[in-house]
PDB file of N, CA and C in Angstrom:
ATOM      1  N   MET A   1       1.330  11.214   5.374  1.00  0.00           N
ATOM      2  CA  MET A   1       1.231  11.096   3.935  1.00  0.00           C
ATOM      3  C   MET A   1       2.387  11.854   3.289  1.00  0.00           C
ATOM      4  N   THR A   2       2.935  11.267   2.274  1.00  0.00           N
ATOM      5  CA  THR A   2       4.085  11.848   1.605  1.00  0.00           C
ATOM      6  C   THR A   2       3.626  12.670   0.406  1.00  0.00           C
ATOM      7  N   ASP A   3       4.289  13.792   0.192  1.00  0.00           N
ATOM      8  CA  ASP A   3       3.975  14.629  -0.955  1.00  0.00           C
ATOM      9  C   ASP A   3       4.824  14.157  -2.131  1.00  0.00           C
ATOM     10  N   PHE A   4       4.220  13.459  -3.054  1.00  0.00           N
ATOM     11  CA  PHE A   4       4.956  12.839  -4.148  1.00  0.00           C
ATOM     12  C   PHE A   4       5.340  13.832  -5.234  1.00  0.00           C
ATOM     13  N   ASP A   5       4.688  14.988  -5.276  1.00  0.00           N
ATOM     14  CA  ASP A   5       5.004  15.975  -6.304  1.00  0.00           C
ATOM     15  C   ASP A   5       6.405  16.547  -6.135  1.00  0.00           C
ATOM     16  N   LYS A   6       6.909  16.541  -4.923  1.00  0.00           N
ATOM     17  CA  LYS A   6       8.219  17.122  -4.638  1.00  0.00           C
ATOM     18  C   LYS A   6       9.352  16.107  -4.759  1.00  0.00           C
ATOM     19  N   LYS A   7       9.017  14.835  -4.974  1.00  0.00           N
ATOM     20  CA  LYS A   7      10.042  13.791  -5.045  1.00  0.00           C
ATOM     21  C   LYS A   7      10.374  13.463  -6.497  1.00  0.00           C
ATOM     22  N   SER A   8      11.590  12.985  -6.692  1.00  0.00           N
ATOM     23  CA  SER A   8      12.002  12.581  -8.038  1.00  0.00           C
ATOM     24  C   SER A   8      11.442  11.191  -8.340  1.00  0.00           C
ATOM     25  N   VAL A   9      11.523  10.812  -9.603  1.00  0.00           N
ATOM     26  CA  VAL A   9      11.021   9.504 -10.027  1.00  0.00           C
ATOM     27  C   VAL A   9      11.794   8.387  -9.317  1.00  0.00           C
ATOM     28  N   GLU A  10      13.085   8.578  -9.173  1.00  0.00           N
ATOM     29  CA  GLU A  10      13.906   7.563  -8.506  1.00  0.00           C
ATOM     30  C   GLU A  10      13.510   7.405  -7.039  1.00  0.00           C
ATOM     31  N   GLU A  11      13.239   8.519  -6.375  1.00  0.00           N
ATOM     32  CA  GLU A  11      12.834   8.465  -4.970  1.00  0.00           C
ATOM     33  C   GLU A  11      11.491   7.765  -4.814  1.00  0.00           C
ATOM     34  N   ILE A  12      10.570   8.043  -5.712  1.00  0.00           N
ATOM     35  CA  ILE A  12       9.255   7.403  -5.646  1.00  0.00           C
ATOM     36  C   ILE A  12       9.385   5.908  -5.898  1.00  0.00           C
ATOM     37  N   THR A  13      10.192   5.536  -6.882  1.00  0.00           N
ATOM     38  CA  THR A  13      10.401   4.120  -7.179  1.00  0.00           C
ATOM     39  C   THR A  13      11.025   3.400  -5.994  1.00  0.00           C
ATOM     40  N   LYS A  14      11.991   4.029  -5.366  1.00  0.00           N
ATOM     41  CA  LYS A  14      12.634   3.440  -4.186  1.00  0.00           C
ATOM     42  C   LYS A  14      11.628   3.286  -3.049  1.00  0.00           C
ATOM     43  N   LEU A  15      10.790   4.293  -2.840  1.00  0.00           N
ATOM     44  CA  LEU A  15       9.767   4.242  -1.798  1.00  0.00           C
ATOM     45  C   LEU A  15       8.781   3.116  -2.058  1.00  0.00           C
ATOM     46  N   ILE A  16       8.366   2.956  -3.318  1.00  0.00           N
ATOM     47  CA  ILE A  16       7.431   1.885  -3.675  1.00  0.00           C
ATOM     48  C   ILE A  16       8.043   0.529  -3.366  1.00  0.00           C
ATOM     49  N   ASN A  17       9.291   0.338  -3.738  1.00  0.00           N
ATOM     50  CA  ASN A  17       9.961  -0.944  -3.485  1.00  0.00           C
ATOM     51  C   ASN A  17      10.079  -1.229  -1.991  1.00  0.00           C
ATOM     52  N   GLU A  18      10.410  -0.208  -1.202  1.00  0.00           N
ATOM     53  CA  GLU A  18      10.524  -0.388   0.249  1.00  0.00           C
ATOM     54  C   GLU A  18       9.170  -0.730   0.867  1.00  0.00           C
ATOM     55  N   LYS A  19       8.131  -0.031   0.434  1.00  0.00           N
ATOM     56  CA  LYS A  19       6.785  -0.271   0.973  1.00  0.00           C
ATOM     57  C   LYS A  19       6.290  -1.664   0.598  1.00  0.00           C
ATOM     58  N   ARG A  20       6.569  -2.094  -0.626  1.00  0.00           N
ATOM     59  CA  ARG A  20       6.153  -3.439  -1.049  1.00  0.00           C
ATOM     60  C   ARG A  20       6.851  -4.515  -0.233  1.00  0.00           C
ATOM     61  N   GLU A  21       8.136  -4.311   0.038  1.00  0.00           N
ATOM     62  CA  GLU A  21       8.882  -5.287   0.850  1.00  0.00           C
ATOM     63  C   GLU A  21       8.324  -5.330   2.272  1.00  0.00           C
ATOM     64  N   GLY A  22       8.039  -4.161   2.829  1.00  0.00           N
ATOM     65  CA  GLY A  22       7.443  -4.111   4.164  1.00  0.00           C
ATOM     66  C   GLY A  22       6.065  -4.734   4.196  1.00  0.00           C
ATOM     67  N   LEU A  23       5.283  -4.529   3.155  1.00  0.00           N
ATOM     68  CA  LEU A  23       3.950  -5.116   3.057  1.00  0.00           C
ATOM     69  C   LEU A  23       4.036  -6.635   3.016  1.00  0.00           C
ATOM     70  N   ARG A  24       4.985  -7.140   2.266  1.00  0.00           N
ATOM     71  CA  ARG A  24       5.175  -8.588   2.189  1.00  0.00           C
ATOM     72  C   ARG A  24       5.510  -9.168   3.558  1.00  0.00           C
ATOM     73  N   ALA A  25       6.386  -8.504   4.277  1.00  0.00           N
ATOM     74  CA  ALA A  25       6.766  -8.974   5.611  1.00  0.00           C
ATOM     75  C   ALA A  25       5.571  -8.918   6.566  1.00  0.00           C
ATOM     76  N   ASP A  26       4.785  -7.846   6.486  1.00  0.00           N
ATOM     77  CA  ASP A  26       3.615  -7.715   7.352  1.00  0.00           C
ATOM     78  C   ASP A  26       2.576  -8.788   7.055  1.00  0.00           C
ATOM     79  N   ARG A  27       2.406  -9.120   5.795  1.00  0.00           N
ATOM     80  CA  ARG A  27       1.433 -10.158   5.441  1.00  0.00           C
ATOM     81  C   ARG A  27       1.816 -11.494   6.052  1.00  0.00           C
ATOM     82  N   PHE A  28       3.104 -11.806   6.058  1.00  0.00           N
ATOM     83  CA  PHE A  28       3.536 -13.062   6.653  1.00  0.00           C
ATOM     84  C   PHE A  28       3.352 -13.043   8.165  1.00  0.00           C
ATOM     85  N   LYS A  29       3.532 -11.884   8.788  1.00  0.00           N
ATOM     86  CA  LYS A  29       3.319 -11.781  10.232  1.00  0.00           C
ATOM     87  C   LYS A  29       1.856 -12.016  10.577  1.00  0.00           C
ATOM     88  N   VAL A  30       0.961 -11.412   9.801  1.00  0.00           N
ATOM     89  CA  VAL A  30      -0.471 -11.484  10.084  1.00  0.00           C
ATOM     90  C   VAL A  30      -1.037 -12.842   9.703  1.00  0.00           C
ATOM     91  N   ALA A  31      -0.422 -13.534   8.753  1.00  0.00           N
ATOM     92  CA  ALA A  31      -0.954 -14.803   8.261  1.00  0.00           C
ATOM     93  C   ALA A  31      -1.084 -15.836   9.373  1.00  0.00           C
ATOM     94  N   GLY A  32      -0.197 -15.812  10.325  1.00  0.00           N
ATOM     95  CA  GLY A  32      -0.237 -16.786  11.408  1.00  0.00           C
ATOM     96  C   GLY A  32      -1.193 -16.417  12.515  1.00  0.00           C
ATOM     97  N   SER A  33      -1.658 -15.194  12.546  1.00  0.00           N
ATOM     98  CA  SER A  33      -2.530 -14.757  13.626  1.00  0.00           C
ATOM     99  C   SER A  33      -3.957 -14.577  13.122  1.00  0.00           C
ATOM    100  N   ALA A  34      -4.791 -14.083  14.003  1.00  0.00           N
ATOM    101  CA  ALA A  34      -6.179 -13.821  13.637  1.00  0.00           C
ATOM    102  C   ALA A  34      -6.247 -12.612  12.711  1.00  0.00           C
ATOM    103  N   LYS A  35      -7.421 -12.160  12.386  1.00  0.00           N
ATOM    104  CA  LYS A  35      -7.613 -11.034  11.464  1.00  0.00           C
ATOM    105  C   LYS A  35      -7.239  -9.698  12.081  1.00  0.00           C
ATOM    106  N   LYS A  36      -6.684  -9.713  13.263  1.00  0.00           N
ATOM    107  CA  LYS A  36      -6.263  -8.486  13.928  1.00  0.00           C
ATOM    108  C   LYS A  36      -5.100  -7.849  13.186  1.00  0.00           C
ATOM    109  N   GLY A  37      -5.056  -6.546  13.177  1.00  0.00           N
ATOM    110  CA  GLY A  37      -3.905  -5.854  12.632  1.00  0.00           C
ATOM    111  C   GLY A  37      -3.928  -5.675  11.128  1.00  0.00           C
ATOM    112  N   MET A  38      -5.093  -5.614  10.532  1.00  0.00           N
ATOM    113  CA  MET A  38      -5.178  -5.458   9.086  1.00  0.00           C
ATOM    114  C   MET A  38      -5.103  -3.994   8.647  1.00  0.00           C
ATOM    115  N   MET A  39      -5.385  -3.068   9.541  1.00  0.00           N
ATOM    116  CA  MET A  39      -5.421  -1.654   9.165  1.00  0.00           C
ATOM    117  C   MET A  39      -4.075  -1.133   8.674  1.00  0.00           C
ATOM    118  N   PRO A  40      -2.959  -1.442   9.317  1.00  0.00           N
ATOM    119  CA  PRO A  40      -1.669  -0.958   8.798  1.00  0.00           C
ATOM    120  C   PRO A  40      -1.381  -1.481   7.385  1.00  0.00           C
ATOM    121  N   ILE A  41      -1.802  -2.695   7.096  1.00  0.00           N
ATOM    122  CA  ILE A  41      -1.598  -3.260   5.763  1.00  0.00           C
ATOM    123  C   ILE A  41      -2.398  -2.469   4.743  1.00  0.00           C
ATOM    124  N   ARG A  42      -3.625  -2.120   5.089  1.00  0.00           N
ATOM    125  CA  ARG A  42      -4.458  -1.325   4.184  1.00  0.00           C
ATOM    126  C   ARG A  42      -3.837   0.035   3.916  1.00  0.00           C
ATOM    127  N   LEU A  43      -3.309   0.652   4.961  1.00  0.00           N
ATOM    128  CA  LEU A  43      -2.705   1.976   4.801  1.00  0.00           C
ATOM    129  C   LEU A  43      -1.470   1.929   3.904  1.00  0.00           C
ATOM    130  N   VAL A  44      -0.666   0.892   4.046  1.00  0.00           N
ATOM    131  CA  VAL A  44       0.526   0.747   3.210  1.00  0.00           C
ATOM    132  C   VAL A  44       0.110   0.523   1.763  1.00  0.00           C
ATOM    133  N   ARG A  45      -0.908  -0.300   1.542  1.00  0.00           N
ATOM    134  CA  ARG A  45      -1.389  -0.533   0.174  1.00  0.00           C
ATOM    135  C   ARG A  45      -1.887   0.761  -0.464  1.00  0.00           C
ATOM    136  N   LYS A  46      -2.578   1.582   0.314  1.00  0.00           N
ATOM    137  CA  LYS A  46      -3.070   2.853  -0.208  1.00  0.00           C
ATOM    138  C   LYS A  46      -1.925   3.800  -0.535  1.00  0.00           C
ATOM    139  N   GLU A  47      -0.899   3.805   0.306  1.00  0.00           N
ATOM    140  CA  GLU A  47       0.252   4.676   0.035  1.00  0.00           C
ATOM    141  C   GLU A  47       1.003   4.223  -1.219  1.00  0.00           C
ATOM    142  N   ILE A  48       1.114   2.908  -1.416  1.00  0.00           N
ATOM    143  CA  ILE A  48       1.730   2.386  -2.637  1.00  0.00           C
ATOM    144  C   ILE A  48       0.911   2.821  -3.851  1.00  0.00           C
ATOM    145  N   ALA A  49      -0.408   2.735  -3.740  1.00  0.00           N
ATOM    146  CA  ALA A  49      -1.280   3.135  -4.844  1.00  0.00           C
ATOM    147  C   ALA A  49      -1.129   4.624  -5.154  1.00  0.00           C
ATOM    148  N   ARG A  50      -1.030   5.449  -4.122  1.00  0.00           N
ATOM    149  CA  ARG A  50      -0.838   6.887  -4.344  1.00  0.00           C
ATOM    150  C   ARG A  50       0.478   7.167  -5.065  1.00  0.00           C
ATOM    151  N   ALA A  51       1.522   6.456  -4.655  1.00  0.00           N
ATOM    152  CA  ALA A  51       2.834   6.648  -5.280  1.00  0.00           C
ATOM    153  C   ALA A  51       2.805   6.202  -6.737  1.00  0.00           C
ATOM    154  N   LEU A  52       2.171   5.067  -7.012  1.00  0.00           N
ATOM    155  CA  LEU A  52       2.082   4.589  -8.386  1.00  0.00           C
ATOM    156  C   LEU A  52       1.240   5.527  -9.246  1.00  0.00           C
ATOM    157  N   THR A  53       0.185   6.077  -8.674  1.00  0.00           N
ATOM    158  CA  THR A  53      -0.652   7.031  -9.397  1.00  0.00           C
ATOM    159  C   THR A  53       0.151   8.270  -9.763  1.00  0.00           C
ATOM    160  N   SER A  54       0.927   8.776  -8.835  1.00  0.00           N
ATOM    161  CA  SER A  54       1.761   9.939  -9.089  1.00  0.00           C
ATOM    162  C   SER A  54       2.801   9.640 -10.167  1.00  0.00           C
ATOM    163  N   LEU A  55       3.393   8.469 -10.092  1.00  0.00           N
ATOM    164  CA  LEU A  55       4.401   8.062 -11.068  1.00  0.00           C
ATOM    165  C   LEU A  55       3.789   7.945 -12.463  1.00  0.00           C
ATOM    166  N   ASN A  56       2.622   7.338 -12.563  1.00  0.00           N
ATOM    167  CA  ASN A  56       1.953   7.185 -13.856  1.00  0.00           C
ATOM    168  C   ASN A  56       1.473   8.519 -14.401  1.00  0.00           C
ATOM    169  N   ALA A  57       1.053   9.427 -13.545  1.00  0.00           N
ATOM    170  CA  ALA A  57       0.623  10.751 -13.987  1.00  0.00           C
ATOM    171  C   ALA A  57       1.805  11.500 -14.607  1.00  0.00           C
ATOM    172  N   ARG A  58       2.963  11.382 -14.001  1.00  0.00           N
ATOM    173  CA  ARG A  58       4.162  12.021 -14.564  1.00  0.00           C
ATOM    174  C   ARG A  58       4.522  11.408 -15.910  1.00  0.00           C
ATOM    175  N   LYS A  59       4.415  10.083 -15.985  1.00  0.00           N
ATOM    176  CA  LYS A  59       4.745   9.383 -17.220  1.00  0.00           C
ATOM    177  C   LYS A  59       3.800   9.818 -18.352  1.00  0.00           C
ATOM    178  N   ASN A  60       2.512   9.894 -18.065  1.00  0.00           N
ATOM    179  CA  ASN A  60       1.536  10.278 -19.078  1.00  0.00           C
ATOM    180  C   ASN A  60       1.655  11.758 -19.445  1.00  0.00           C
ATOM    181  N   LYS A  61       2.074  12.560 -18.504  1.00  0.00           N
ATOM    182  CA  LYS A  61       2.229  14.001 -18.750  1.00  0.00           C
ATOM    183  C   LYS A  61       3.393  14.271 -19.699  1.00  0.00           C
ATOM    184  N   SER A  62       4.439  13.470 -19.584  1.00  0.00           N
ATOM    185  CA  SER A  62       5.619  13.678 -20.413  1.00  0.00           C
ATOM    186  C   SER A  62       5.432  13.160 -21.838  1.00  0.00           C
ATOM    187  N   GLU A  63       4.439  12.329 -22.064  1.00  0.00           N
ATOM    188  CA  GLU A  63       4.213  11.766 -23.414  1.00  0.00           C
ATOM    189  C   GLU A  63       3.525  12.715 -24.315  1.00  0.00           C
TER     190      GLU A  63
END
C-alpha cells in the first residue's frame, strides 16, 4: 500500500493514470478466460479509490 500523504498531487495523478491503464489491460486479459484471477483487479480498483480519496481530501481541505 502506498502512503499518499507523502506524495505530491502530480505523483498521485500519475499513479492513478498508470493504475487505470493497467486495470484496463487486465480486464481484457481476464475477459477471455474464466472468472479466475479477479482478486488482482479488485486490489487495483481499491488502490485507485484510495488515491482518488486522498486527492479529493486535499482538494476539499484547500477550499
